[in-house]
């Protein structure tokens, strides 16, 4: 039994390394968008204004863990340019996080990539600036979550919905 668990852990570590390499290849760190370009709503949205203010101190392409922790519940407040700025750091954080029990960032990324029907149009807008390789990488991320001992149990429905959502997007946009 112990040998089987060790093999599963080793397999996930190898898959994590492969996914991290894919992220490195298709999600380069990019400059921070101009202030209003960071948020999804430009005016008349206190949540988007709040997140813009919280992010003012982060001007570099690479975001620290404290910024990722700040953003986890506000991914829907970011624009496509905001996601393209945040996701290189955010995805790396999710893959390299060691403690599943305190990994709310991964949980909320799964939720962001598996929108309910009423939020799919907005999510498609946020993904509109992503390239085909980047969308395929997000699909790889969800498939990694699907094989992950914790996430496959804790967020199984959301992962399945997110995989279906991204596959539909890729099919509609690229015929994949």
C-alpha atoms as a PDB file:
ATOM      1  CA  UNK A   1       0.000   0.000   0.000  1.00  0.00           C
ATOM      2  CA  UNK A   2       2.775   2.442   0.949  1.00  0.00           C
ATOM      3  CA  UNK A   3       4.586   1.702  -2.314  1.00  0.00           C
ATOM      4  CA  UNK A   4       1.392   2.471  -4.269  1.00  0.00           C
ATOM      5  CA  UNK A   5       1.003   5.821  -2.504  1.00  0.00           C
ATOM      6  CA  UNK A   6       4.642   6.663  -3.189  1.00  0.00           C
ATOM      7  CA  UNK A   7       4.147   5.870  -6.882  1.00  0.00           C
ATOM      8  CA  UNK A   8       1.066   8.125  -7.041  1.00  0.00           C
ATOM      9  CA  UNK A   9       2.970  10.966  -5.388  1.00  0.00           C
ATOM     10  CA  UNK A  10       5.916  10.487  -7.755  1.00  0.00           C
ATOM     11  CA  UNK A  11       3.568  10.435 -10.789  1.00  0.00           C
ATOM     12  CA  UNK A  12       1.889  13.665  -9.684  1.00  0.00           C
ATOM     13  CA  UNK A  13       5.291  15.298  -9.122  1.00  0.00           C
ATOM     14  CA  UNK A  14       6.306  14.340 -12.679  1.00  0.00           C
ATOM     15  CA  UNK A  15       2.998  15.609 -14.068  1.00  0.00           C
ATOM     16  CA  UNK A  16       3.418  18.820 -12.073  1.00  0.00           C
ATOM     17  CA  UNK A  17       6.879  19.326 -13.546  1.00  0.00           C
ATOM     18  CA  UNK A  18       5.551  18.714 -17.076  1.00  0.00           C
ATOM     19  CA  UNK A  19       2.702  21.176 -16.504  1.00  0.00           C
ATOM     20  CA  UNK A  20       5.089  23.732 -15.037  1.00  0.00           C
ATOM     21  CA  UNK A  21       7.230  23.435 -18.181  1.00  0.00           C
ATOM     22  CA  UNK A  22       4.124  23.986 -20.316  1.00  0.00           C
ATOM     23  CA  UNK A  23       3.214  27.055 -18.250  1.00  0.00           C
ATOM     24  CA  UNK A  24       6.771  28.383 -18.634  1.00  0.00           C
ATOM     25  CA  UNK A  25       6.550  27.931 -22.406  1.00  0.00           C
ATOM     26  CA  UNK A  26       3.149  29.540 -23.049  1.00  0.00           C
ATOM     27  CA  UNK A  27       2.596  31.942 -20.151  1.00  0.00           C
ATOM     28  CA  UNK A  28       5.514  34.358 -20.136  1.00  0.00           C
ATOM     29  CA  UNK A  29       5.368  37.074 -17.535  1.00  0.00           C
ATOM     30  CA  UNK A  30       4.002  40.232 -19.154  1.00  0.00           C
ATOM     31  CA  UNK A  31       4.022  43.873 -18.074  1.00  0.00           C
ATOM     32  CA  UNK A  32       1.211  45.060 -15.858  1.00  0.00           C
ATOM     33  CA  UNK A  33      -1.650  46.610 -17.845  1.00  0.00           C
ATOM     34  CA  UNK A  34      -2.454  50.285 -17.360  1.00  0.00           C
ATOM     35  CA  UNK A  35      -4.621  50.953 -14.314  1.00  0.00           C
ATOM     36  CA  UNK A  36      -8.116  50.810 -15.851  1.00  0.00           C
ATOM     37  CA  UNK A  37      -7.103  47.982 -18.186  1.00  0.00           C
ATOM     38  CA  UNK A  38      -6.507  45.683 -15.201  1.00  0.00           C
ATOM     39  CA  UNK A  39     -10.174  45.449 -14.239  1.00  0.00           C
ATOM     40  CA  UNK A  40     -13.135  43.953 -16.042  1.00  0.00           C
ATOM     41  CA  UNK A  41     -15.430  46.915 -15.335  1.00  0.00           C
ATOM     42  CA  UNK A  42     -13.903  50.331 -15.853  1.00  0.00           C
ATOM     43  CA  UNK A  43     -16.514  52.469 -14.051  1.00  0.00           C
ATOM     44  CA  UNK A  44     -19.454  52.084 -11.682  1.00  0.00           C
ATOM     45  CA  UNK A  45     -18.185  48.875 -10.076  1.00  0.00           C
ATOM     46  CA  UNK A  46     -16.895  49.238  -6.542  1.00  0.00           C
ATOM     47  CA  UNK A  47     -15.425  45.706  -6.563  1.00  0.00           C
ATOM     48  CA  UNK A  48     -13.310  46.404  -9.658  1.00  0.00           C
ATOM     49  CA  UNK A  49     -12.276  49.774  -8.237  1.00  0.00           C
ATOM     50  CA  UNK A  50     -11.321  48.073  -4.969  1.00  0.00           C
ATOM     51  CA  UNK A  51      -9.166  45.460  -6.710  1.00  0.00           C
ATOM     52  CA  UNK A  52      -7.459  48.152  -8.831  1.00  0.00           C
ATOM     53  CA  UNK A  53      -6.549  49.990  -5.619  1.00  0.00           C
ATOM     54  CA  UNK A  54      -5.312  46.786  -3.973  1.00  0.00           C
ATOM     55  CA  UNK A  55      -3.128  46.033  -6.999  1.00  0.00           C
ATOM     56  CA  UNK A  56      -1.628  49.536  -7.292  1.00  0.00           C
ATOM     57  CA  UNK A  57       1.496  48.532  -5.394  1.00  0.00           C
ATOM     58  CA  UNK A  58       2.167  45.596  -7.748  1.00  0.00           C
ATOM     59  CA  UNK A  59       3.819  46.986 -10.853  1.00  0.00           C
ATOM     60  CA  UNK A  60       6.113  44.159 -11.873  1.00  0.00           C
ATOM     61  CA  UNK A  61       5.339  41.336 -14.316  1.00  0.00           C
ATOM     62  CA  UNK A  62       5.984  38.697 -11.621  1.00  0.00           C
ATOM     63  CA  UNK A  63       3.519  38.790  -8.755  1.00  0.00           C
ATOM     64  CA  UNK A  64       4.473  37.692  -5.229  1.00  0.00           C
ATOM     65  CA  UNK A  65       2.451  35.132  -3.280  1.00  0.00           C
ATOM     66  CA  UNK A  66       0.802  37.901  -1.248  1.00  0.00           C
ATOM     67  CA  UNK A  67      -0.692  39.341  -4.456  1.00  0.00           C
ATOM     68  CA  UNK A  68      -1.931  35.912  -5.530  1.00  0.00           C
ATOM     69  CA  UNK A  69      -3.569  35.461  -2.122  1.00  0.00           C
ATOM     70  CA  UNK A  70      -5.167  38.887  -2.484  1.00  0.00           C
ATOM     71  CA  UNK A  71      -6.631  38.023  -5.901  1.00  0.00           C
ATOM     72  CA  UNK A  72      -8.034  34.534  -5.403  1.00  0.00           C
ATOM     73  CA  UNK A  73     -11.611  35.658  -4.764  1.00  0.00           C
ATOM     74  CA  UNK A  74     -11.507  38.537  -7.228  1.00  0.00           C
ATOM     75  CA  UNK A  75     -10.470  36.875 -10.491  1.00  0.00           C
ATOM     76  CA  UNK A  76     -13.832  37.891 -11.960  1.00  0.00           C
ATOM     77  CA  UNK A  77     -12.886  41.538 -11.386  1.00  0.00           C
ATOM     78  CA  UNK A  78      -9.952  41.261 -13.780  1.00  0.00           C
ATOM     79  CA  UNK A  79     -10.069  41.913 -17.520  1.00  0.00           C
ATOM     80  CA  UNK A  80      -8.519  39.746 -20.200  1.00  0.00           C
ATOM     81  CA  UNK A  81      -5.351  41.848 -19.949  1.00  0.00           C
ATOM     82  CA  UNK A  82      -5.518  41.489 -16.186  1.00  0.00           C
ATOM     83  CA  UNK A  83      -5.748  37.699 -16.465  1.00  0.00           C
ATOM     84  CA  UNK A  84      -2.831  37.634 -18.915  1.00  0.00           C
ATOM     85  CA  UNK A  85      -0.756  39.601 -16.401  1.00  0.00           C
ATOM     86  CA  UNK A  86      -1.815  37.553 -13.361  1.00  0.00           C
ATOM     87  CA  UNK A  87      -2.033  33.994 -14.737  1.00  0.00           C
ATOM     88  CA  UNK A  88       1.701  33.382 -15.310  1.00  0.00           C
ATOM     89  CA  UNK A  89       2.365  33.938 -11.600  1.00  0.00           C
ATOM     90  CA  UNK A  90      -0.959  32.494 -10.442  1.00  0.00           C
ATOM     91  CA  UNK A  91      -0.624  29.204 -12.336  1.00  0.00           C
ATOM     92  CA  UNK A  92       2.959  28.709 -11.168  1.00  0.00           C
ATOM     93  CA  UNK A  93       1.795  29.331  -7.613  1.00  0.00           C
ATOM     94  CA  UNK A  94      -0.987  26.734  -7.901  1.00  0.00           C
ATOM     95  CA  UNK A  95       1.305  24.042  -9.277  1.00  0.00           C
ATOM     96  CA  UNK A  96       4.098  24.592  -6.763  1.00  0.00           C
ATOM     97  CA  UNK A  97       1.901  25.037  -3.652  1.00  0.00           C
ATOM     98  CA  UNK A  98       2.722  22.303  -1.161  1.00  0.00           C
ATOM     99  CA  UNK A  99      -0.232  22.447   1.247  1.00  0.00           C
ATOM    100  CA  UNK A 100      -3.552  21.472  -0.338  1.00  0.00           C
ATOM    101  CA  UNK A 101      -5.443  22.241   2.853  1.00  0.00           C
ATOM    102  CA  UNK A 102      -4.531  25.929   2.555  1.00  0.00           C
ATOM    103  CA  UNK A 103      -4.647  26.239  -1.224  1.00  0.00           C
ATOM    104  CA  UNK A 104      -7.657  28.422  -1.746  1.00  0.00           C
ATOM    105  CA  UNK A 105      -6.009  29.987  -4.806  1.00  0.00           C
ATOM    106  CA  UNK A 106      -6.187  26.732  -6.782  1.00  0.00           C
ATOM    107  CA  UNK A 107      -9.761  26.164  -5.675  1.00  0.00           C
ATOM    108  CA  UNK A 108     -10.874  29.579  -6.897  1.00  0.00           C
ATOM    109  CA  UNK A 109      -8.983  29.228 -10.180  1.00  0.00           C
ATOM    110  CA  UNK A 110     -10.917  26.012 -10.789  1.00  0.00           C
ATOM    111  CA  UNK A 111     -14.130  27.951 -10.091  1.00  0.00           C
ATOM    112  CA  UNK A 112     -13.069  30.783 -12.431  1.00  0.00           C
ATOM    113  CA  UNK A 113     -12.463  28.300 -15.254  1.00  0.00           C
ATOM    114  CA  UNK A 114     -15.803  26.530 -14.753  1.00  0.00           C
ATOM    115  CA  UNK A 115     -18.334  29.354 -14.895  1.00  0.00           C
ATOM    116  CA  UNK A 116     -22.049  28.856 -14.456  1.00  0.00           C
ATOM    117  CA  UNK A 117     -24.030  29.448 -17.630  1.00  0.00           C
ATOM    118  CA  UNK A 118     -24.940  33.008 -16.625  1.00  0.00           C
ATOM    119  CA  UNK A 119     -21.234  33.924 -16.272  1.00  0.00           C
ATOM    120  CA  UNK A 120     -19.864  32.160 -19.350  1.00  0.00           C
ATOM    121  CA  UNK A 121     -20.079  35.221 -21.599  1.00  0.00           C
ATOM    122  CA  UNK A 122     -17.967  37.281 -19.171  1.00  0.00           C
ATOM    123  CA  UNK A 123     -15.480  34.447 -18.791  1.00  0.00           C
ATOM    124  CA  UNK A 124     -15.205  34.160 -22.569  1.00  0.00           C
ATOM    125  CA  UNK A 125     -14.397  37.896 -22.645  1.00  0.00           C
ATOM    126  CA  UNK A 126     -11.674  37.367 -20.040  1.00  0.00           C
ATOM    127  CA  UNK A 127     -10.226  34.527 -22.114  1.00  0.00           C
ATOM    128  CA  UNK A 128     -10.498  36.452 -25.395  1.00  0.00           C
ATOM    129  CA  UNK A 129      -6.860  37.575 -25.333  1.00  0.00           C
ATOM    130  CA  UNK A 130      -5.506  34.092 -24.672  1.00  0.00           C
ATOM    131  CA  UNK A 131      -3.757  32.199 -27.446  1.00  0.00           C
ATOM    132  CA  UNK A 132      -4.585  28.638 -28.440  1.00  0.00           C
ATOM    133  CA  UNK A 133      -1.505  27.286 -26.579  1.00  0.00           C
ATOM    134  CA  UNK A 134      -2.528  29.230 -23.476  1.00  0.00           C
ATOM    135  CA  UNK A 135      -6.074  27.845 -23.594  1.00  0.00           C
ATOM    136  CA  UNK A 136      -4.681  24.345 -24.072  1.00  0.00           C
ATOM    137  CA  UNK A 137      -2.450  24.935 -21.052  1.00  0.00           C
ATOM    138  CA  UNK A 138      -5.471  25.930 -18.953  1.00  0.00           C
ATOM    139  CA  UNK A 139      -7.099  22.706 -20.096  1.00  0.00           C
ATOM    140  CA  UNK A 140      -3.940  20.831 -19.035  1.00  0.00           C
ATOM    141  CA  UNK A 141      -4.164  22.552 -15.660  1.00  0.00           C
ATOM    142  CA  UNK A 142      -7.740  21.333 -15.140  1.00  0.00           C
ATOM    143  CA  UNK A 143      -6.792  17.844 -16.296  1.00  0.00           C
ATOM    144  CA  UNK A 144      -3.932  17.933 -13.783  1.00  0.00           C
ATOM    145  CA  UNK A 145      -6.479  18.903 -11.114  1.00  0.00           C
ATOM    146  CA  UNK A 146      -8.668  16.021 -12.277  1.00  0.00           C
ATOM    147  CA  UNK A 147      -5.820  13.578 -11.501  1.00  0.00           C
ATOM    148  CA  UNK A 148      -4.791  15.310  -8.281  1.00  0.00           C
ATOM    149  CA  UNK A 149      -5.760  13.371  -5.145  1.00  0.00           C
ATOM    150  CA  UNK A 150      -7.248  16.398  -3.361  1.00  0.00           C
ATOM    151  CA  UNK A 151      -8.747  18.400  -6.221  1.00  0.00           C
ATOM    152  CA  UNK A 152     -10.258  15.402  -7.995  1.00  0.00           C
ATOM    153  CA  UNK A 153     -12.301  14.729  -4.875  1.00  0.00           C
ATOM    154  CA  UNK A 154     -12.962  18.243  -3.597  1.00  0.00           C
ATOM    155  CA  UNK A 155     -13.870  19.983  -6.888  1.00  0.00           C
ATOM    156  CA  UNK A 156     -14.780  17.083  -9.183  1.00  0.00           C
ATOM    157  CA  UNK A 157     -17.917  18.672 -10.666  1.00  0.00           C
ATOM    158  CA  UNK A 158     -16.273  22.046 -11.212  1.00  0.00           C
ATOM    159  CA  UNK A 159     -13.239  20.450 -12.864  1.00  0.00           C
ATOM    160  CA  UNK A 160     -15.473  18.437 -15.191  1.00  0.00           C
ATOM    161  CA  UNK A 161     -17.498  21.550 -16.052  1.00  0.00           C
ATOM    162  CA  UNK A 162     -14.343  23.584 -16.628  1.00  0.00           C
ATOM    163  CA  UNK A 163     -12.859  20.946 -18.924  1.00  0.00           C
ATOM    164  CA  UNK A 164     -16.093  20.902 -20.918  1.00  0.00           C
ATOM    165  CA  UNK A 165     -16.167  24.713 -21.042  1.00  0.00           C
ATOM    166  CA  UNK A 166     -12.575  24.995 -22.293  1.00  0.00           C
ATOM    167  CA  UNK A 167     -12.999  22.161 -24.804  1.00  0.00           C
ATOM    168  CA  UNK A 168     -16.101  23.896 -26.168  1.00  0.00           C
ATOM    169  CA  UNK A 169     -14.221  27.193 -26.413  1.00  0.00           C
ATOM    170  CA  UNK A 170     -11.286  25.549 -28.182  1.00  0.00           C
ATOM    171  CA  UNK A 171     -13.631  23.736 -30.565  1.00  0.00           C
ATOM    172  CA  UNK A 172     -15.600  26.877 -31.403  1.00  0.00           C
ATOM    173  CA  UNK A 173     -12.538  29.109 -31.771  1.00  0.00           C
ATOM    174  CA  UNK A 174      -9.975  26.727 -33.283  1.00  0.00           C
ATOM    175  CA  UNK A 175     -11.813  23.587 -34.342  1.00  0.00           C
ATOM    176  CA  UNK A 176      -9.842  21.560 -31.763  1.00  0.00           C
END
